[in-house]
Structures are given as structure tokens and as C-alpha cells.
Amino acid sequence: MVGRPKEDRTRRFAQIARRIAEGHFQDAIAQELSMHKSAVQRAVREMRAELAGAFNDPRWNDPSKTSAVQIARAWLERHPQSAGEQS
């Protein structure tokens, strides 16, 4: 298998999304979760792409139309089982 299992990806996205939704900056999130800022940025891009596909709306992929906070909140709404996990 290449990459991380889906459950790890979902858990990691949930950790990042919760912090973004709470107003944390991406560099602080990266430091808190012991990852590079680019990994946090990549996760936000992947959440954007997931939402664009789920809603069949390319505006989700456009950072000038949707903020990282909007992305995080929408992603958490679509993954309610992940919203309450702690880490």
C-alpha cells in the first residue's frame, strides 16, 4: 500500500479541520501536530477538492471564493463522526 490508510487521512484531516475552524493559524497547527506547514496546506487543498466533488461545485477549489475556515467547517459537517474526536 502506498501512502497512509484512509482512516489515518480522515483522522488527520479532522485534527486539522477542527483547529482551523477554531481559528488557529496553519503554521501553529503544523507545529502542534508535529508536521510541516506544507502538509497542513496540502490537507486543506485535498479537503477543498473533496468538497468540490461532493457538491459538484468548482467554487470550493477557489481560495478567493472559500476560506480555509469555510472549508474546515464544511468538511467537518460532512464528517460528523470525526468532528468530536480528540487529538
PDB file of N, CA and C in Angstrom:
ATOM      1  N   MET A   1       0.842  -1.186   0.000  1.00  0.00           N
ATOM      2  CA  MET A   1       0.000   0.000   0.000  1.00  0.00           C
ATOM      3  C   MET A   1       0.885   1.246   0.000  1.00  0.00           C
ATOM      4  N   VAL A   2       0.513   2.199  -0.798  1.00  0.00           N
ATOM      5  CA  VAL A   2       1.244   3.452  -0.872  1.00  0.00           C
ATOM      6  C   VAL A   2       0.489   4.509  -0.074  1.00  0.00           C
ATOM      7  N   GLY A   3       1.225   5.293   0.689  1.00  0.00           N
ATOM      8  CA  GLY A   3       0.586   6.343   1.473  1.00  0.00           C
ATOM      9  C   GLY A   3      -0.014   5.812   2.765  1.00  0.00           C
ATOM     10  N   ARG A   4      -0.788   6.668   3.385  1.00  0.00           N
ATOM     11  CA  ARG A   4      -1.410   6.314   4.660  1.00  0.00           C
ATOM     12  C   ARG A   4      -2.788   5.713   4.425  1.00  0.00           C
ATOM     13  N   PRO A   5      -3.205   4.833   5.334  1.00  0.00           N
ATOM     14  CA  PRO A   5      -4.572   4.304   5.222  1.00  0.00           C
ATOM     15  C   PRO A   5      -5.597   5.423   5.345  1.00  0.00           C
ATOM     16  N   LYS A   6      -6.783   5.203   4.754  1.00  0.00           N
ATOM     17  CA  LYS A   6      -7.839   6.220   4.737  1.00  0.00           C
ATOM     18  C   LYS A   6      -8.218   6.687   6.144  1.00  0.00           C
ATOM     19  N   GLU A   7      -8.256   5.774   7.116  1.00  0.00           N
ATOM     20  CA  GLU A   7      -8.637   6.177   8.474  1.00  0.00           C
ATOM     21  C   GLU A   7      -7.637   7.173   9.048  1.00  0.00           C
ATOM     22  N   ASP A   8      -6.344   6.997   8.748  1.00  0.00           N
ATOM     23  CA  ASP A   8      -5.342   7.962   9.207  1.00  0.00           C
ATOM     24  C   ASP A   8      -5.553   9.309   8.534  1.00  0.00           C
ATOM     25  N   ARG A   9      -5.861   9.284   7.247  1.00  0.00           N
ATOM     26  CA  ARG A   9      -6.099  10.511   6.485  1.00  0.00           C
ATOM     27  C   ARG A   9      -7.312  11.247   7.062  1.00  0.00           C
ATOM     28  N   THR A  10      -8.390  10.530   7.307  1.00  0.00           N
ATOM     29  CA  THR A  10      -9.598  11.137   7.858  1.00  0.00           C
ATOM     30  C   THR A  10      -9.318  11.709   9.236  1.00  0.00           C
ATOM     31  N   ARG A  11      -8.598  10.976  10.051  1.00  0.00           N
ATOM     32  CA  ARG A  11      -8.250  11.440  11.405  1.00  0.00           C
ATOM     33  C   ARG A  11      -7.384  12.695  11.336  1.00  0.00           C
ATOM     34  N   ARG A  12      -6.398  12.688  10.437  1.00  0.00           N
ATOM     35  CA  ARG A  12      -5.504  13.837  10.279  1.00  0.00           C
ATOM     36  C   ARG A  12      -6.288  15.052   9.774  1.00  0.00           C
ATOM     37  N   PHE A  13      -7.162  14.846   8.784  1.00  0.00           N
ATOM     38  CA  PHE A  13      -7.993  15.934   8.279  1.00  0.00           C
ATOM     39  C   PHE A  13      -8.866  16.491   9.401  1.00  0.00           C
ATOM     40  N   ALA A  14      -9.431  15.616  10.222  1.00  0.00           N
ATOM     41  CA  ALA A  14     -10.292  16.055  11.325  1.00  0.00           C
ATOM     42  C   ALA A  14      -9.501  16.905  12.314  1.00  0.00           C
ATOM     43  N   GLN A  15      -8.289  16.488  12.646  1.00  0.00           N
ATOM     44  CA  GLN A  15      -7.452  17.252  13.565  1.00  0.00           C
ATOM     45  C   GLN A  15      -7.179  18.648  13.006  1.00  0.00           C
ATOM     46  N   ILE A  16      -6.838  18.692  11.731  1.00  0.00           N
ATOM     47  CA  ILE A  16      -6.524  19.968  11.083  1.00  0.00           C
ATOM     48  C   ILE A  16      -7.783  20.822  10.955  1.00  0.00           C
ATOM     49  N   ALA A  17      -8.869  20.230  10.479  1.00  0.00           N
ATOM     50  CA  ALA A  17     -10.112  20.976  10.265  1.00  0.00           C
ATOM     51  C   ALA A  17     -10.647  21.574  11.559  1.00  0.00           C
ATOM     52  N   ARG A  18     -10.605  20.803  12.643  1.00  0.00           N
ATOM     53  CA  ARG A  18     -11.082  21.329  13.936  1.00  0.00           C
ATOM     54  C   ARG A  18     -10.286  22.557  14.350  1.00  0.00           C
ATOM     55  N   ARG A  19      -8.999  22.477  14.207  1.00  0.00           N
ATOM     56  CA  ARG A  19      -8.156  23.599  14.622  1.00  0.00           C
ATOM     57  C   ARG A  19      -8.366  24.825  13.729  1.00  0.00           C
ATOM     58  N   ILE A  20      -8.492  24.607  12.427  1.00  0.00           N
ATOM     59  CA  ILE A  20      -8.754  25.728  11.520  1.00  0.00           C
ATOM     60  C   ILE A  20     -10.099  26.358  11.856  1.00  0.00           C
ATOM     61  N   ALA A  21     -11.116  25.528  12.074  1.00  0.00           N
ATOM     62  CA  ALA A  21     -12.458  26.029  12.401  1.00  0.00           C
ATOM     63  C   ALA A  21     -12.457  26.831  13.703  1.00  0.00           C
ATOM     64  N   GLU A  22     -11.538  26.498  14.599  1.00  0.00           N
ATOM     65  CA  GLU A  22     -11.419  27.223  15.873  1.00  0.00           C
ATOM     66  C   GLU A  22     -10.621  28.515  15.723  1.00  0.00           C
ATOM     67  N   GLY A  23     -10.035  28.737  14.534  1.00  0.00           N
ATOM     68  CA  GLY A  23      -9.312  29.973  14.284  1.00  0.00           C
ATOM     69  C   GLY A  23      -7.804  29.888  14.420  1.00  0.00           C
ATOM     70  N   HIS A  24      -7.262  28.692  14.547  1.00  0.00           N
ATOM     71  CA  HIS A  24      -5.810  28.542  14.646  1.00  0.00           C
ATOM     72  C   HIS A  24      -5.161  28.797  13.283  1.00  0.00           C
ATOM     73  N   PHE A  25      -3.972  29.354  13.286  1.00  0.00           N
ATOM     74  CA  PHE A  25      -3.220  29.571  12.057  1.00  0.00           C
ATOM     75  C   PHE A  25      -2.571  28.269  11.607  1.00  0.00           C
ATOM     76  N   GLN A  26      -2.396  28.131  10.290  1.00  0.00           N
ATOM     77  CA  GLN A  26      -1.867  26.891   9.745  1.00  0.00           C
ATOM     78  C   GLN A  26      -0.460  26.571  10.240  1.00  0.00           C
ATOM     79  N   ASP A  27       0.385  27.579  10.419  1.00  0.00           N
ATOM     80  CA  ASP A  27       1.734  27.296  10.922  1.00  0.00           C
ATOM     81  C   ASP A  27       1.696  26.807  12.367  1.00  0.00           C
ATOM     82  N   ALA A  28       0.771  27.329  13.161  1.00  0.00           N
ATOM     83  CA  ALA A  28       0.625  26.868  14.546  1.00  0.00           C
ATOM     84  C   ALA A  28       0.083  25.442  14.582  1.00  0.00           C
ATOM     85  N   ILE A  29      -0.833  25.137  13.682  1.00  0.00           N
ATOM     86  CA  ILE A  29      -1.390  23.776  13.601  1.00  0.00           C
ATOM     87  C   ILE A  29      -0.283  22.801  13.254  1.00  0.00           C
ATOM     88  N   ALA A  30       0.540  23.168  12.290  1.00  0.00           N
ATOM     89  CA  ALA A  30       1.642  22.301  11.884  1.00  0.00           C
ATOM     90  C   ALA A  30       2.570  22.021  13.058  1.00  0.00           C
ATOM     91  N   GLN A  31       2.891  23.052  13.796  1.00  0.00           N
ATOM     92  CA  GLN A  31       3.771  22.887  14.946  1.00  0.00           C
ATOM     93  C   GLN A  31       3.110  22.009  16.009  1.00  0.00           C
ATOM     94  N   GLU A  32       1.834  22.263  16.286  1.00  0.00           N
ATOM     95  CA  GLU A  32       1.085  21.495  17.276  1.00  0.00           C
ATOM     96  C   GLU A  32       1.019  20.010  16.939  1.00  0.00           C
ATOM     97  N   LEU A  33       0.855  19.709  15.644  1.00  0.00           N
ATOM     98  CA  LEU A  33       0.698  18.317  15.200  1.00  0.00           C
ATOM     99  C   LEU A  33       2.009  17.699  14.712  1.00  0.00           C
ATOM    100  N   SER A  34       3.096  18.411  14.902  1.00  0.00           N
ATOM    101  CA  SER A  34       4.432  17.934  14.505  1.00  0.00           C
ATOM    102  C   SER A  34       4.488  17.543  13.033  1.00  0.00           C
ATOM    103  N   MET A  35       4.055  18.480  12.202  1.00  0.00           N
ATOM    104  CA  MET A  35       4.131  18.258  10.754  1.00  0.00           C
ATOM    105  C   MET A  35       4.568  19.556  10.093  1.00  0.00           C
ATOM    106  N   HIS A  36       4.894  19.479   8.832  1.00  0.00           N
ATOM    107  CA  HIS A  36       5.281  20.672   8.089  1.00  0.00           C
ATOM    108  C   HIS A  36       4.037  21.473   7.722  1.00  0.00           C
ATOM    109  N   LYS A  37       4.221  22.787   7.608  1.00  0.00           N
ATOM    110  CA  LYS A  37       3.107  23.644   7.200  1.00  0.00           C
ATOM    111  C   LYS A  37       2.585  23.214   5.837  1.00  0.00           C
ATOM    112  N   SER A  38       3.478  22.750   4.972  1.00  0.00           N
ATOM    113  CA  SER A  38       3.040  22.311   3.640  1.00  0.00           C
ATOM    114  C   SER A  38       2.095  21.107   3.733  1.00  0.00           C
ATOM    115  N   ALA A  39       2.249  20.275   4.749  1.00  0.00           N
ATOM    116  CA  ALA A  39       1.337  19.133   4.931  1.00  0.00           C
ATOM    117  C   ALA A  39      -0.054  19.629   5.328  1.00  0.00           C
ATOM    118  N   VAL A  40      -0.110  20.681   6.132  1.00  0.00           N
ATOM    119  CA  VAL A  40      -1.397  21.275   6.515  1.00  0.00           C
ATOM    120  C   VAL A  40      -2.034  21.913   5.283  1.00  0.00           C
ATOM    121  N   GLN A  41      -1.250  22.642   4.507  1.00  0.00           N
ATOM    122  CA  GLN A  41      -1.765  23.272   3.289  1.00  0.00           C
ATOM    123  C   GLN A  41      -2.272  22.223   2.302  1.00  0.00           C
ATOM    124  N   ARG A  42      -1.532  21.126   2.163  1.00  0.00           N
ATOM    125  CA  ARG A  42      -1.952  20.036   1.274  1.00  0.00           C
ATOM    126  C   ARG A  42      -3.267  19.427   1.751  1.00  0.00           C
ATOM    127  N   ALA A  43      -3.416  19.260   3.053  1.00  0.00           N
ATOM    128  CA  ALA A  43      -4.664  18.707   3.598  1.00  0.00           C
ATOM    129  C   ALA A  43      -5.836  19.624   3.271  1.00  0.00           C
ATOM    130  N   VAL A  44      -5.642  20.932   3.393  1.00  0.00           N
ATOM    131  CA  VAL A  44      -6.711  21.883   3.067  1.00  0.00           C
ATOM    132  C   VAL A  44      -7.047  21.790   1.580  1.00  0.00           C
ATOM    133  N   ARG A  45      -6.026  21.680   0.722  1.00  0.00           N
ATOM    134  CA  ARG A  45      -6.277  21.527  -0.727  1.00  0.00           C
ATOM    135  C   ARG A  45      -7.063  20.249  -1.006  1.00  0.00           C
ATOM    136  N   GLU A  46      -6.712  19.170  -0.322  1.00  0.00           N
ATOM    137  CA  GLU A  46      -7.415  17.897  -0.525  1.00  0.00           C
ATOM    138  C   GLU A  46      -8.847  17.978  -0.007  1.00  0.00           C
ATOM    139  N   MET A  47      -9.063  18.675   1.107  1.00  0.00           N
ATOM    140  CA  MET A  47     -10.429  18.879   1.606  1.00  0.00           C
ATOM    141  C   MET A  47     -11.224  19.708   0.602  1.00  0.00           C
ATOM    142  N   ARG A  48     -10.590  20.739   0.021  1.00  0.00           N
ATOM    143  CA  ARG A  48     -11.241  21.558  -0.998  1.00  0.00           C
ATOM    144  C   ARG A  48     -11.697  20.698  -2.170  1.00  0.00           C
ATOM    145  N   ALA A  49     -10.782  19.857  -2.654  1.00  0.00           N
ATOM    146  CA  ALA A  49     -11.093  19.006  -3.800  1.00  0.00           C
ATOM    147  C   ALA A  49     -12.224  18.032  -3.464  1.00  0.00           C
ATOM    148  N   GLU A  50     -12.190  17.469  -2.269  1.00  0.00           N
ATOM    149  CA  GLU A  50     -13.242  16.550  -1.832  1.00  0.00           C
ATOM    150  C   GLU A  50     -14.597  17.249  -1.816  1.00  0.00           C
ATOM    151  N   LEU A  51     -14.640  18.469  -1.275  1.00  0.00           N
ATOM    152  CA  LEU A  51     -15.895  19.213  -1.207  1.00  0.00           C
ATOM    153  C   LEU A  51     -16.372  19.620  -2.599  1.00  0.00           C
ATOM    154  N   ALA A  52     -15.444  20.024  -3.466  1.00  0.00           N
ATOM    155  CA  ALA A  52     -15.820  20.402  -4.836  1.00  0.00           C
ATOM    156  C   ALA A  52     -16.480  19.223  -5.546  1.00  0.00           C
ATOM    157  N   GLY A  53     -15.935  18.031  -5.347  1.00  0.00           N
ATOM    158  CA  GLY A  53     -16.517  16.847  -5.953  1.00  0.00           C
ATOM    159  C   GLY A  53     -17.842  16.464  -5.317  1.00  0.00           C
ATOM    160  N   ALA A  54     -17.911  16.547  -4.013  1.00  0.00           N
ATOM    161  CA  ALA A  54     -19.126  16.155  -3.291  1.00  0.00           C
ATOM    162  C   ALA A  54     -20.299  17.070  -3.631  1.00  0.00           C
ATOM    163  N   PHE A  55     -20.022  18.368  -3.784  1.00  0.00           N
ATOM    164  CA  PHE A  55     -21.080  19.324  -4.075  1.00  0.00           C
ATOM    165  C   PHE A  55     -21.195  19.622  -5.571  1.00  0.00           C
ATOM    166  N   ASN A  56     -20.298  19.009  -6.358  1.00  0.00           N
ATOM    167  CA  ASN A  56     -20.265  19.247  -7.802  1.00  0.00           C
ATOM    168  C   ASN A  56     -20.220  20.755  -8.087  1.00  0.00           C
ATOM    169  N   ASP A  57     -19.321  21.430  -7.373  1.00  0.00           N
ATOM    170  CA  ASP A  57     -19.216  22.882  -7.459  1.00  0.00           C
ATOM    171  C   ASP A  57     -17.743  23.276  -7.402  1.00  0.00           C
ATOM    172  N   PRO A  58     -17.175  23.715  -8.518  1.00  0.00           N
ATOM    173  CA  PRO A  58     -15.748  24.046  -8.552  1.00  0.00           C
ATOM    174  C   PRO A  58     -15.362  25.253  -7.693  1.00  0.00           C
ATOM    175  N   ARG A  59     -16.348  26.039  -7.235  1.00  0.00           N
ATOM    176  CA  ARG A  59     -16.009  27.194  -6.386  1.00  0.00           C
ATOM    177  C   ARG A  59     -15.309  26.769  -5.102  1.00  0.00           C
ATOM    178  N   TRP A  60     -15.573  25.530  -4.656  1.00  0.00           N
ATOM    179  CA  TRP A  60     -14.905  25.059  -3.431  1.00  0.00           C
ATOM    180  C   TRP A  60     -13.387  24.988  -3.627  1.00  0.00           C
ATOM    181  N   ASN A  61     -12.937  24.838  -4.862  1.00  0.00           N
ATOM    182  CA  ASN A  61     -11.500  24.764  -5.139  1.00  0.00           C
ATOM    183  C   ASN A  61     -10.847  26.137  -5.255  1.00  0.00           C
ATOM    184  N   ASP A  62     -11.626  27.186  -5.235  1.00  0.00           N
ATOM    185  CA  ASP A  62     -11.109  28.535  -5.439  1.00  0.00           C
ATOM    186  C   ASP A  62     -10.925  29.252  -4.100  1.00  0.00           C
ATOM    187  N   PRO A  63      -9.670  29.442  -3.664  1.00  0.00           N
ATOM    188  CA  PRO A  63      -9.418  30.103  -2.374  1.00  0.00           C
ATOM    189  C   PRO A  63      -9.959  31.538  -2.295  1.00  0.00           C
ATOM    190  N   SER A  64     -10.203  32.172  -3.444  1.00  0.00           N
ATOM    191  CA  SER A  64     -10.764  33.528  -3.404  1.00  0.00           C
ATOM    192  C   SER A  64     -12.273  33.493  -3.144  1.00  0.00           C
ATOM    193  N   LYS A  65     -12.880  32.318  -3.259  1.00  0.00           N
ATOM    194  CA  LYS A  65     -14.326  32.186  -3.040  1.00  0.00           C
ATOM    195  C   LYS A  65     -14.659  31.519  -1.699  1.00  0.00           C
ATOM    196  N   THR A  66     -13.747  30.683  -1.198  1.00  0.00           N
ATOM    197  CA  THR A  66     -13.981  29.979   0.068  1.00  0.00           C
ATOM    198  C   THR A  66     -12.712  30.006   0.909  1.00  0.00           C
ATOM    199  N   SER A  67     -12.851  30.404   2.153  1.00  0.00           N
ATOM    200  CA  SER A  67     -11.696  30.476   3.057  1.00  0.00           C
ATOM    201  C   SER A  67     -11.386  29.092   3.627  1.00  0.00           C
ATOM    202  N   ALA A  68     -10.230  28.971   4.224  1.00  0.00           N
ATOM    203  CA  ALA A  68      -9.851  27.721   4.884  1.00  0.00           C
ATOM    204  C   ALA A  68     -10.831  27.395   6.015  1.00  0.00           C
ATOM    205  N   VAL A  69     -11.331  28.430   6.685  1.00  0.00           N
ATOM    206  CA  VAL A  69     -12.302  28.210   7.774  1.00  0.00           C
ATOM    207  C   VAL A  69     -13.598  27.632   7.206  1.00  0.00           C
ATOM    208  N   GLN A  70     -14.069  28.179   6.087  1.00  0.00           N
ATOM    209  CA  GLN A  70     -15.276  27.643   5.453  1.00  0.00           C
ATOM    210  C   GLN A  70     -15.065  26.197   5.022  1.00  0.00           C
ATOM    211  N   ILE A  71     -13.894  25.916   4.480  1.00  0.00           N
ATOM    212  CA  ILE A  71     -13.569  24.553   4.053  1.00  0.00           C
ATOM    213  C   ILE A  71     -13.586  23.626   5.262  1.00  0.00           C
ATOM    214  N   ALA A  72     -12.926  24.035   6.333  1.00  0.00           N
ATOM    215  CA  ALA A  72     -12.847  23.200   7.532  1.00  0.00           C
ATOM    216  C   ALA A  72     -14.231  22.917   8.102  1.00  0.00           C
ATOM    217  N   ARG A  73     -15.041  23.946   8.207  1.00  0.00           N
ATOM    218  CA  ARG A  73     -16.389  23.764   8.767  1.00  0.00           C
ATOM    219  C   ARG A  73     -17.239  22.862   7.884  1.00  0.00           C
ATOM    220  N   ALA A  74     -17.184  23.059   6.574  1.00  0.00           N
ATOM    221  CA  ALA A  74     -17.966  22.222   5.654  1.00  0.00           C
ATOM    222  C   ALA A  74     -17.481  20.776   5.695  1.00  0.00           C
ATOM    223  N   TRP A  75     -16.159  20.598   5.771  1.00  0.00           N
ATOM    224  CA  TRP A  75     -15.619  19.233   5.826  1.00  0.00           C
ATOM    225  C   TRP A  75     -16.086  18.538   7.108  1.00  0.00           C
ATOM    226  N   LEU A  76     -16.044  19.236   8.226  1.00  0.00           N
ATOM    227  CA  LEU A  76     -16.482  18.656   9.495  1.00  0.00           C
ATOM    228  C   LEU A  76     -17.976  18.332   9.474  1.00  0.00           C
ATOM    229  N   GLU A  77     -18.774  19.166   8.813  1.00  0.00           N
ATOM    230  CA  GLU A  77     -20.212  18.879   8.698  1.00  0.00           C
ATOM    231  C   GLU A  77     -20.454  17.598   7.909  1.00  0.00           C
ATOM    232  N   ARG A  78     -19.622  17.358   6.899  1.00  0.00           N
ATOM    233  CA  ARG A  78     -19.763  16.148   6.080  1.00  0.00           C
ATOM    234  C   ARG A  78     -19.184  14.913   6.770  1.00  0.00           C
ATOM    235  N   HIS A  79     -18.411  15.106   7.814  1.00  0.00           N
ATOM    236  CA  HIS A  79     -17.781  14.007   8.559  1.00  0.00           C
ATOM    237  C   HIS A  79     -18.080  14.166  10.049  1.00  0.00           C
ATOM    238  N   PRO A  80     -19.354  14.086  10.439  1.00  0.00           N
ATOM    239  CA  PRO A  80     -19.704  14.351  11.844  1.00  0.00           C
ATOM    240  C   PRO A  80     -19.052  13.378  12.814  1.00  0.00           C
ATOM    241  N   GLN A  81     -18.744  12.169  12.382  1.00  0.00           N
ATOM    242  CA  GLN A  81     -18.092  11.202  13.259  1.00  0.00           C
ATOM    243  C   GLN A  81     -16.675  11.653  13.616  1.00  0.00           C
ATOM    244  N   SER A  82     -16.074  12.501  12.777  1.00  0.00           N
ATOM    245  CA  SER A  82     -14.722  12.994  13.016  1.00  0.00           C
ATOM    246  C   SER A  82     -14.700  14.281  13.823  1.00  0.00           C
ATOM    247  N   ALA A  83     -15.805  14.991  13.854  1.00  0.00           N
ATOM    248  CA  ALA A  83     -15.843  16.304  14.483  1.00  0.00           C
ATOM    249  C   ALA A  83     -15.540  16.254  15.971  1.00  0.00           C
ATOM    250  N   GLY A  84     -15.928  15.186  16.639  1.00  0.00           N
ATOM    251  CA  GLY A  84     -15.750  15.114  18.082  1.00  0.00           C
ATOM    252  C   GLY A  84     -14.504  14.396  18.553  1.00  0.00           C
ATOM    253  N   GLU A  85     -13.742  13.793  17.626  1.00  0.00           N
ATOM    254  CA  GLU A  85     -12.523  13.065  18.026  1.00  0.00           C
ATOM    255  C   GLU A  85     -11.500  14.045  18.567  1.00  0.00           C
ATOM    256  N   GLN A  86     -10.783  13.614  19.562  1.00  0.00           N
ATOM    257  CA  GLN A  86      -9.764  14.459  20.179  1.00  0.00           C
ATOM    258  C   GLN A  86      -8.375  14.045  19.727  1.00  0.00           C
ATOM    259  N   SER A  87      -7.461  15.010  19.705  1.00  0.00           N
ATOM    260  CA  SER A  87      -6.040  14.823  19.444  1.00  0.00           C
ATOM    261  C   SER A  87      -5.398  16.162  19.284  1.00  0.00           C
TER     262      SER A  87
END
